[in-house]
Amino acid sequence: MGFFKRNKGTPLKELERYHGKRVSYVVEREGAEENVIGRTGGISVDSEKLVVVCDGHEVFRCSTDGIVCAELMSHNGADIKGRDMTTGKLRHIVVHYANKR
């Protein structure tokens, strides 16, 4: 039936909304488990990659090609799925934003 094209990922224009967001903590999902992989950091997006840094260490680096990124319904975080540029493994993380005070 090929009426609709399959979405190949989140467009760069939409990904740029996440650039500069402050992060409270980052959780990686592996099946039914969630593990905190970092606290206190930020998100950086350019034309080639999305990088999440926590406590001065890079916890996630993914190419903008094929990445799927969506805002949480509560608007206090984002759900990010993509292939890690370092390991080549498909990863799923949830980034929770820091409160602005």
Protein backbone atom coordinates (compact mmCIF):
# COMPACT_ATOMS: atom_id res chain seq x y z
CA MET A 1 0.00 0.00 0.00
CA GLY A 2 2.56 2.87 -0.18
CA PHE A 3 0.30 5.86 0.40
CA PHE A 4 2.46 7.38 3.11
CA LYS A 5 6.21 7.76 3.39
CA ARG A 6 7.82 6.42 6.51
CA ASN A 7 9.35 9.15 8.63
CA LYS A 8 13.15 8.79 8.51
CA GLY A 9 13.75 10.77 11.70
CA THR A 10 13.36 14.17 13.32
CA PRO A 11 14.24 17.12 11.02
CA LEU A 12 17.24 19.29 11.96
CA LYS A 13 15.06 22.38 12.36
CA GLU A 14 13.08 20.62 15.10
CA LEU A 15 16.24 19.23 16.74
CA GLU A 16 17.67 22.76 17.05
CA ARG A 17 14.97 23.54 19.65
CA TYR A 18 16.86 21.31 22.08
CA HIS A 19 20.19 23.14 21.69
CA GLY A 20 21.25 24.84 24.92
CA LYS A 21 18.67 23.13 27.14
CA ARG A 22 19.89 22.60 30.69
CA VAL A 23 19.61 19.02 31.94
CA SER A 24 18.75 17.84 35.44
CA TYR A 25 19.38 14.14 34.77
CA VAL A 26 19.52 11.60 31.95
CA VAL A 27 18.09 8.07 32.03
CA GLU A 28 18.96 5.29 29.57
CA ARG A 29 16.26 2.74 28.81
CA GLU A 30 17.27 -0.84 28.11
CA GLY A 31 14.19 -3.01 27.79
CA ALA A 32 12.17 -2.59 30.98
CA GLU A 33 15.10 -1.14 32.95
CA GLU A 34 15.99 2.52 33.41
CA ASN A 35 19.46 3.55 34.56
CA VAL A 36 20.56 7.08 35.43
CA ILE A 37 23.64 7.80 33.30
CA GLY A 38 24.22 11.44 34.21
CA ARG A 39 23.14 14.50 36.19
CA THR A 40 23.49 18.28 35.73
CA GLY A 41 24.46 19.10 32.18
CA GLY A 42 23.20 20.29 28.83
CA ILE A 43 22.32 19.43 25.23
CA SER A 44 24.24 20.62 22.17
CA VAL A 45 22.97 20.25 18.60
CA ASP A 46 24.73 21.15 15.35
CA SER A 47 24.15 20.09 11.74
CA GLU A 48 25.89 16.72 12.21
CA LYS A 49 25.32 15.55 15.79
CA LEU A 50 23.39 15.80 19.05
CA VAL A 51 25.51 15.60 22.20
CA VAL A 52 24.38 15.30 25.83
CA VAL A 53 27.00 16.27 28.44
CA CYS A 54 26.57 15.68 32.20
CA ASP A 55 29.06 16.60 34.94
CA GLY A 56 31.64 17.51 32.29
CA HIS A 57 31.46 14.07 30.63
CA GLU A 58 29.82 13.14 27.35
CA VAL A 59 27.06 10.60 28.07
CA PHE A 60 25.47 10.46 24.60
CA ARG A 61 26.60 11.38 21.07
CA CYS A 62 24.40 10.63 18.08
CA SER A 63 24.31 11.64 14.43
CA THR A 64 21.36 13.86 13.47
CA ASP A 65 20.72 11.46 10.58
CA GLY A 66 17.95 9.06 11.58
CA ILE A 67 17.61 10.33 15.16
CA VAL A 68 14.08 10.34 16.62
CA CYS A 69 13.52 12.99 19.27
CA ALA A 70 10.20 13.92 20.90
CA GLU A 71 9.17 16.22 23.74
CA LEU A 72 7.65 14.52 26.77
CA MET A 73 3.94 15.26 27.29
CA SER A 74 4.81 17.13 30.50
CA HIS A 75 7.22 19.38 28.50
CA ASN A 76 9.92 18.84 31.14
CA GLY A 77 12.11 16.56 29.04
CA ALA A 78 12.72 14.75 25.77
CA ASP A 79 12.77 11.15 24.55
CA ILE A 80 15.75 10.52 22.23
CA LYS A 81 16.46 7.40 20.15
CA GLY A 82 19.47 7.07 17.89
CA ARG A 83 22.64 5.22 16.98
CA ASP A 84 25.56 6.15 19.25
CA MET A 85 28.50 7.48 17.20
CA THR A 86 31.09 5.94 19.55
CA THR A 87 29.77 2.41 20.01
CA GLY A 88 27.48 2.09 16.97
CA LYS A 89 24.77 0.75 19.31
CA LEU A 90 21.13 1.88 19.07
CA ARG A 91 20.38 3.76 22.31
CA HIS A 92 17.23 5.16 23.92
CA ILE A 93 17.59 7.93 26.49
CA VAL A 94 15.21 10.24 28.32
CA VAL A 95 16.53 13.69 29.17
CA HIS A 96 14.84 15.59 32.02
CA TYR A 97 15.28 19.37 31.89
CA ALA A 98 16.49 21.43 34.84
CA ASN A 99 13.98 23.87 36.35
CA LYS A 100 14.73 27.48 35.45
CA ARG A 101 14.84 29.60 38.58
